[in-house]
Amino acid sequence: MGALSIAFDTIVVGALALPWVLLVIHLFFSDNESSLQSLLAWAKSQDQPALAGVLLFAMTYPLGSAVSRIAQDFFDDDDLHIQVSDPLLLRVGITETSIRTDVYCQKQKLLTQMHPDSLTDKRQRFKSNESGCQYTGRWIIPQDQYWIHQQQDLAKDIFYVQEGALLLKGTDATEKLRVFHDQIMVLRGAAFDALIAFSLCFFWWCAKFPFWLRCVVPLAYFLPAGMALYNHRLERPASDPPYMEFTLLSLAIAGWYLLLRSTPKQKSVPGKAPGDGPINKPAQPRLAYLVLSLFLTVAAFFGWWATQVLYDEQVIYSYTALSDGPSEPATLNPK
């Protein structure tokens, strides 16, 4: 139970990924669904809760670990940008770094109250570069973005020093921070899982479109992936894997494979001939499922966004309170 409690957030993220994994099996490996059903029936027939727990842990923990790492990069990747005019760039304005930088820009007065000498230079450089604050969270920024990246890097460095100092205080003193941190991990993974599920449902739903339109739909994933991969190759070191680009390219390829082949058919029901009734018509997901997956994606994304802001603010407030506190604990005068 101790291991499960430590890895609880990772297991939750992995469990939330199981629906789209089953959807992948249904759409791309429908011939092997019977094998999966046989495996589940065998595990149920054993009547061993411990065996079911081990199988669940073996599936959800590795899957949750992989999804958590990919989702962290996916929601903090600034490779997706394009020049829209001579001085301006169009980029994704909502990332983990841009949110954190915006929080620090809003709380600059608190930065002046921090005392440790290791942060003095970075605090002064952050305050002297206030022009970068007006572009935090913006989707269109000047093409010469060196000073904007410098502002984001300074905010990140200050945050990591503050967060590390607070975490060294132990679990009791940072319980609220850990709750926010776990919520960020779960909500970020849930948003990523919901995005994958929505994309698969969207491709499946588009299978009823004309052939030429089905060929165009995956370009909505392929073009951003190619753009981000090009920028990643120019701006990122070789040690930084292209997680977001890999995800978008995989979805684009999956979409083309799903849309350009024959649409999946429902399995025949025992007692009905292959030509009887509408049971053998091509299966199509209901529009309600598509709308539900989109709603869950947006809800999880907004939840992650709000929790990320709360977490960053809590780090600033907690560190400021710690820095402004008395250097020695107060004692009662026995006299």
Protein backbone atom coordinates (compact mmCIF):
# COMPACT_ATOMS: atom_id res chain seq x y z
CA MET A 1 0.00 0.00 0.00
CA GLY A 2 2.91 2.36 0.61
CA ALA A 3 4.09 2.06 -2.98
CA LEU A 4 0.56 2.62 -4.24
CA SER A 5 0.16 5.78 -2.16
CA ILE A 6 3.45 7.20 -3.42
CA ALA A 7 2.59 6.48 -7.06
CA PHE A 8 -1.11 7.24 -6.73
CA ASP A 9 -1.12 10.22 -9.12
CA THR A 10 0.84 8.23 -11.72
CA ILE A 11 -1.61 5.33 -11.44
CA VAL A 12 -4.56 7.71 -11.87
CA VAL A 13 -3.04 9.15 -15.05
CA GLY A 14 -2.44 5.64 -16.36
CA ALA A 15 -6.00 4.59 -15.51
CA LEU A 16 -7.35 7.62 -17.38
CA ALA A 17 -5.30 6.53 -20.41
CA LEU A 18 -6.97 3.09 -20.57
CA PRO A 19 -10.10 4.35 -22.43
CA TRP A 20 -8.13 5.63 -25.40
CA VAL A 21 -5.92 2.54 -25.33
CA LEU A 22 -9.05 0.38 -25.62
CA LEU A 23 -10.27 2.70 -28.37
CA VAL A 24 -7.01 2.15 -30.25
CA ILE A 25 -7.44 -1.61 -29.92
CA HIS A 26 -11.02 -1.39 -31.19
CA LEU A 27 -10.18 0.83 -34.17
CA PHE A 28 -6.85 -0.60 -35.29
CA PHE A 29 -6.71 -4.13 -33.85
CA SER A 30 -10.35 -5.18 -33.89
CA ASP A 31 -9.41 -8.76 -34.82
CA ASN A 32 -7.59 -9.12 -31.50
CA GLU A 33 -10.42 -7.86 -29.29
CA SER A 34 -11.51 -11.43 -28.60
CA SER A 35 -8.06 -12.21 -27.16
CA LEU A 36 -8.35 -9.27 -24.80
CA GLN A 37 -11.80 -10.37 -23.72
CA SER A 38 -10.48 -13.89 -23.09
CA LEU A 39 -7.68 -12.49 -20.93
CA LEU A 40 -10.12 -10.43 -18.87
CA ALA A 41 -12.45 -13.41 -18.50
CA TRP A 42 -9.53 -15.58 -17.34
CA ALA A 43 -8.46 -12.99 -14.73
CA LYS A 44 -12.05 -12.77 -13.49
CA SER A 45 -12.41 -16.56 -13.29
CA GLN A 46 -9.36 -16.81 -11.00
CA ASP A 47 -11.26 -14.91 -8.29
CA GLN A 48 -8.00 -13.46 -7.00
CA PRO A 49 -8.20 -9.75 -6.09
CA ALA A 50 -4.42 -9.65 -5.63
CA LEU A 51 -3.90 -10.88 -9.20
CA ALA A 52 -6.28 -8.25 -10.54
CA GLY A 53 -4.45 -5.58 -8.53
CA VAL A 54 -1.06 -6.66 -9.90
CA LEU A 55 -2.36 -6.65 -13.48
CA LEU A 56 -3.93 -3.23 -12.99
CA PHE A 57 -0.73 -1.84 -11.49
CA ALA A 58 1.36 -3.38 -14.28
CA MET A 59 -0.81 -1.68 -16.90
CA THR A 60 -1.45 1.70 -15.31
CA TYR A 61 1.89 2.58 -13.70
CA PRO A 62 4.13 2.29 -16.81
CA LEU A 63 1.43 3.88 -18.95
CA GLY A 64 0.93 6.68 -16.44
CA SER A 65 4.67 7.30 -16.17
CA ALA A 66 5.02 7.65 -19.95
CA VAL A 67 1.90 9.80 -20.34
CA SER A 68 2.94 12.11 -17.47
CA ARG A 69 6.34 12.82 -19.03
CA ILE A 70 4.90 13.39 -22.50
CA ALA A 71 2.07 15.56 -21.17
CA GLN A 72 4.53 17.70 -19.20
CA ASP A 73 6.48 18.51 -22.36
CA PHE A 74 3.33 18.74 -24.49
CA PHE A 75 1.90 21.55 -22.35
CA ASP A 76 5.25 23.36 -22.02
CA ASP A 77 6.57 23.27 -25.59
CA ASP A 78 7.09 26.55 -27.44
CA ASP A 79 8.31 24.99 -30.69
CA LEU A 80 4.93 25.59 -32.32
CA HIS A 81 5.34 29.12 -33.74
CA ILE A 82 5.30 30.69 -37.18
CA GLN A 83 6.08 34.12 -38.58
CA VAL A 84 2.84 35.90 -39.50
CA SER A 85 4.48 39.17 -40.57
CA ASP A 86 7.92 40.70 -40.67
CA PRO A 87 8.18 41.63 -36.96
CA LEU A 88 5.60 39.28 -35.40
CA LEU A 89 5.40 35.59 -34.50
CA LEU A 90 2.29 33.51 -33.87
CA ARG A 91 2.87 31.04 -31.05
CA VAL A 92 1.02 29.01 -28.42
CA GLY A 93 0.53 31.48 -25.61
CA ILE A 94 -0.62 29.10 -22.87
CA THR A 95 2.25 26.93 -21.66
CA GLU A 96 3.52 26.05 -18.21
CA THR A 97 6.44 28.47 -18.58
CA SER A 98 4.30 31.35 -19.85
CA ILE A 99 1.80 30.83 -17.02
CA ARG A 100 4.58 30.84 -14.43
CA THR A 101 6.22 33.92 -15.95
CA ASP A 102 2.90 35.76 -15.93
CA VAL A 103 2.37 34.88 -12.26
CA TYR A 104 5.81 36.23 -11.38
CA CYS A 105 5.21 39.36 -13.43
CA GLN A 106 1.99 39.96 -11.49
CA LYS A 107 3.82 39.42 -8.18
CA GLN A 108 6.94 41.51 -8.80
CA LYS A 109 6.46 43.44 -5.54
CA LEU A 110 6.82 40.20 -3.63
CA LEU A 111 10.10 39.48 -5.35
CA THR A 112 11.61 42.58 -3.75
CA GLN A 113 10.98 41.12 -0.28
CA MET A 114 13.12 38.02 -0.79
CA HIS A 115 16.40 38.05 1.08
CA PRO A 116 18.67 35.15 0.02
CA ASP A 117 21.79 36.46 -1.79
CA SER A 118 21.68 33.63 -4.36
CA LEU A 119 18.56 35.17 -5.92
CA THR A 120 19.51 38.83 -5.73
CA ASP A 121 21.06 39.10 -9.19
CA LYS A 122 18.26 37.19 -10.90
CA ARG A 123 15.60 39.21 -9.11
CA GLN A 124 17.17 42.47 -10.23
CA ARG A 125 17.52 41.21 -13.82
CA PHE A 126 13.89 40.07 -13.76
CA LYS A 127 12.69 43.46 -12.49
CA SER A 128 14.85 45.41 -14.97
CA ASN A 129 13.35 43.46 -17.87
CA GLU A 130 9.73 44.42 -17.25
CA SER A 131 9.04 44.84 -20.99
CA GLY A 132 8.89 41.05 -21.26
CA CYS A 133 5.93 40.91 -18.90
CA GLN A 134 3.53 42.52 -21.36
CA TYR A 135 3.92 39.55 -23.72
CA THR A 136 3.41 36.73 -21.22
CA GLY A 137 0.46 34.63 -22.35
CA ARG A 138 0.23 36.47 -25.67
CA TRP A 139 -0.22 34.44 -28.85
CA ILE A 140 1.42 37.10 -31.06
CA ILE A 141 4.83 38.40 -29.98
CA PRO A 142 7.73 40.28 -31.62
CA GLN A 143 9.99 38.12 -33.73
CA ASP A 144 13.06 39.24 -31.76
CA GLN A 145 12.09 37.20 -28.71
CA TYR A 146 15.44 36.80 -26.97
CA TRP A 147 14.47 39.06 -24.07
CA ILE A 148 11.12 37.29 -23.74
CA HIS A 149 12.87 33.93 -23.38
CA GLN A 150 15.30 35.54 -20.93
CA GLN A 151 12.37 36.68 -18.80
CA GLN A 152 10.86 33.20 -18.86
CA ASP A 153 14.19 31.58 -17.98
CA LEU A 154 14.69 33.95 -15.05
CA ALA A 155 11.19 33.21 -13.74
CA LYS A 156 11.86 29.49 -14.07
CA ASP A 157 15.18 29.71 -12.22
CA ILE A 158 13.70 31.77 -9.37
CA PHE A 159 10.75 29.38 -9.10
CA TYR A 160 12.93 26.26 -8.92
CA VAL A 161 15.12 27.79 -6.18
CA GLN A 162 12.04 28.75 -4.16
CA GLU A 163 10.31 25.42 -4.73
CA GLY A 164 13.44 23.48 -3.75
CA ALA A 165 13.89 25.52 -0.57
CA LEU A 166 10.29 24.87 0.42
CA LEU A 167 10.40 21.14 -0.32
CA LEU A 168 13.44 20.79 1.93
CA LYS A 169 11.24 21.82 4.84
CA GLY A 170 9.62 18.38 4.85
CA THR A 171 6.21 16.97 4.09
CA ASP A 172 4.32 18.60 6.97
CA ALA A 173 5.34 22.13 6.01
CA THR A 174 4.65 21.62 2.30
CA GLU A 175 1.49 19.54 2.43
CA LYS A 176 -0.58 22.13 0.55
CA LEU A 177 2.11 22.51 -2.10
CA ARG A 178 2.21 18.75 -2.63
CA VAL A 179 -1.56 18.63 -3.02
CA PHE A 180 -1.40 21.29 -5.75
CA HIS A 181 1.55 19.50 -7.36
CA ASP A 182 -0.33 16.19 -7.47
CA GLN A 183 -3.41 17.91 -8.87
CA ILE A 184 -1.31 19.49 -11.62
CA MET A 185 0.11 16.11 -12.60
CA VAL A 186 -3.31 14.42 -12.65
CA LEU A 187 -5.13 17.24 -14.48
CA ARG A 188 -2.33 17.64 -17.03
CA GLY A 189 -2.34 13.92 -17.71
CA ALA A 190 -6.14 13.88 -17.86
CA ALA A 191 -6.14 16.72 -20.40
CA PHE A 192 -3.60 14.86 -22.53
CA ASP A 193 -5.55 11.58 -22.29
CA ALA A 194 -8.79 13.36 -23.18
CA LEU A 195 -7.10 15.03 -26.15
CA ILE A 196 -5.97 11.65 -27.50
CA ALA A 197 -9.44 10.19 -27.01
CA PHE A 198 -11.08 13.19 -28.69
CA SER A 199 -8.72 12.95 -31.67
CA LEU A 200 -9.48 9.26 -32.18
CA CYS A 201 -13.24 9.86 -31.85
CA PHE A 202 -12.94 12.78 -34.26
CA PHE A 203 -11.17 10.66 -36.88
CA TRP A 204 -13.69 7.87 -36.41
CA TRP A 205 -16.58 10.29 -36.76
CA CYS A 206 -15.06 11.84 -39.91
CA ALA A 207 -15.01 8.43 -41.61
CA LYS A 208 -18.45 9.18 -43.07
CA PHE A 209 -17.15 12.25 -44.93
CA PRO A 210 -16.30 12.20 -48.66
CA PHE A 211 -12.94 10.72 -49.57
CA TRP A 212 -11.26 14.03 -50.44
CA LEU A 213 -12.31 15.56 -47.12
CA ARG A 214 -11.06 12.54 -45.19
CA CYS A 215 -7.64 13.07 -46.77
CA VAL A 216 -7.55 16.68 -45.56
CA VAL A 217 -8.65 16.19 -41.93
CA PRO A 218 -5.32 14.75 -40.57
CA LEU A 219 -3.48 17.79 -41.97
CA ALA A 220 -4.77 19.66 -38.91
CA TYR A 221 -2.28 17.54 -36.93
CA PHE A 222 0.43 16.97 -39.54
CA LEU A 223 1.13 20.62 -40.44
CA PRO A 224 1.62 21.80 -36.82
CA ALA A 225 3.77 18.72 -36.17
CA GLY A 226 6.01 19.47 -39.15
CA MET A 227 6.30 23.14 -38.18
CA ALA A 228 7.16 22.30 -34.57
CA LEU A 229 9.66 19.62 -35.63
CA TYR A 230 11.43 22.10 -37.90
CA ASN A 231 11.68 24.68 -35.11
CA HIS A 232 12.71 21.99 -32.63
CA ARG A 233 15.60 20.93 -34.86
CA LEU A 234 16.84 24.52 -35.07
CA GLU A 235 16.30 25.69 -31.51
CA ARG A 236 16.54 22.67 -29.21
CA PRO A 237 19.57 20.61 -28.14
CA ALA A 238 19.81 16.99 -29.18
CA SER A 239 19.16 15.90 -25.57
CA ASP A 240 15.62 17.32 -25.67
CA PRO A 241 13.26 14.72 -27.19
CA PRO A 242 10.43 16.01 -29.44
CA TYR A 243 7.52 14.68 -27.38
CA MET A 244 4.88 17.05 -28.75
CA GLU A 245 6.00 16.55 -32.34
CA PHE A 246 5.93 12.77 -31.90
CA THR A 247 2.39 12.93 -30.49
CA LEU A 248 1.03 15.10 -33.30
CA LEU A 249 2.72 13.04 -36.01
CA SER A 250 1.40 9.81 -34.49
CA LEU A 251 -2.13 11.21 -34.44
CA ALA A 252 -1.83 12.40 -38.04
CA ILE A 253 -0.62 8.99 -39.24
CA ALA A 254 -3.31 7.22 -37.22
CA GLY A 255 -5.92 9.55 -38.70
CA TRP A 256 -4.86 8.85 -42.28
CA TYR A 257 -4.78 5.11 -41.64
CA LEU A 258 -8.20 5.17 -40.07
CA LEU A 259 -9.83 7.48 -42.63
CA LEU A 260 -8.35 6.05 -45.82
CA ARG A 261 -9.22 2.44 -45.09
CA SER A 262 -12.68 0.97 -44.96
CA THR A 263 -14.62 2.09 -41.90
CA PRO A 264 -14.86 -0.43 -39.04
CA LYS A 265 -17.91 -2.65 -39.06
CA GLN A 266 -19.95 -3.86 -36.17
CA LYS A 267 -19.68 -7.47 -35.24
CA SER A 268 -22.60 -9.68 -36.13
CA VAL A 269 -24.96 -10.68 -33.36
CA PRO A 270 -25.55 -14.39 -32.74
CA GLY A 271 -28.75 -15.54 -34.40
CA LYS A 272 -28.64 -12.91 -37.16
CA ALA A 273 -27.44 -13.48 -40.66
CA PRO A 274 -24.85 -11.10 -42.11
CA GLY A 275 -27.49 -9.40 -44.21
CA ASP A 276 -30.21 -9.05 -41.61
CA GLY A 277 -31.21 -5.61 -40.46
CA PRO A 278 -29.03 -2.60 -39.73
CA ILE A 279 -26.70 -4.49 -37.40
CA ASN A 280 -24.04 -4.91 -40.11
CA LYS A 281 -23.96 -1.30 -41.23
CA PRO A 282 -20.64 0.52 -40.69
CA ALA A 283 -20.34 1.54 -37.07
CA GLN A 284 -20.25 5.26 -36.40
CA PRO A 285 -19.67 6.89 -33.01
CA ARG A 286 -22.41 9.12 -31.74
CA LEU A 287 -21.87 12.86 -31.94
CA ALA A 288 -22.55 12.98 -28.20
CA TYR A 289 -19.37 10.96 -27.54
CA LEU A 290 -17.35 13.40 -29.63
CA VAL A 291 -18.82 16.38 -27.78
CA LEU A 292 -18.27 14.68 -24.41
CA SER A 293 -14.60 13.98 -25.15
CA LEU A 294 -14.12 17.58 -26.28
CA PHE A 295 -15.82 18.87 -23.12
CA LEU A 296 -13.61 16.69 -20.90
CA THR A 297 -10.51 17.89 -22.74
CA VAL A 298 -11.37 21.57 -22.27
CA ALA A 299 -12.47 21.06 -18.65
CA ALA A 300 -9.25 19.21 -17.72
CA PHE A 301 -7.14 21.83 -19.52
CA PHE A 302 -8.79 24.71 -17.67
CA GLY A 303 -8.45 22.79 -14.42
CA TRP A 304 -4.73 22.32 -15.02
CA TRP A 305 -4.35 26.00 -15.97
CA ALA A 306 -6.06 27.24 -12.80
CA THR A 307 -4.16 24.81 -10.56
CA GLN A 308 -0.84 25.78 -12.14
CA VAL A 309 -1.53 29.42 -11.28
CA LEU A 310 -2.50 28.51 -7.70
CA TYR A 311 0.61 26.38 -7.27
CA ASP A 312 2.98 29.09 -8.52
CA GLU A 313 1.31 31.70 -6.32
CA GLN A 314 1.49 29.40 -3.31
CA VAL A 315 5.22 28.92 -3.87
CA ILE A 316 5.75 32.69 -3.99
CA TYR A 317 3.64 33.37 -0.89
CA SER A 318 5.15 30.51 1.11
CA TYR A 319 8.71 31.43 0.24
CA THR A 320 8.09 35.10 1.01
CA ALA A 321 6.60 34.20 4.39
CA LEU A 322 9.56 31.92 5.08
CA SER A 323 12.08 34.62 4.11
CA ASP A 324 10.37 37.33 6.13
CA GLY A 325 10.00 35.18 9.26
CA PRO A 326 12.25 35.48 12.30
CA SER A 327 15.70 33.97 11.95
CA GLU A 328 15.44 32.33 15.36
CA PRO A 329 12.39 30.77 16.96
CA ALA A 330 10.69 32.90 19.58
CA THR A 331 10.98 31.77 23.21
CA LEU A 332 9.00 32.68 26.29
CA ASN A 333 10.75 34.73 28.96
CA PRO A 334 10.68 32.63 32.16
CA LYS A 335 10.84 35.81 34.22
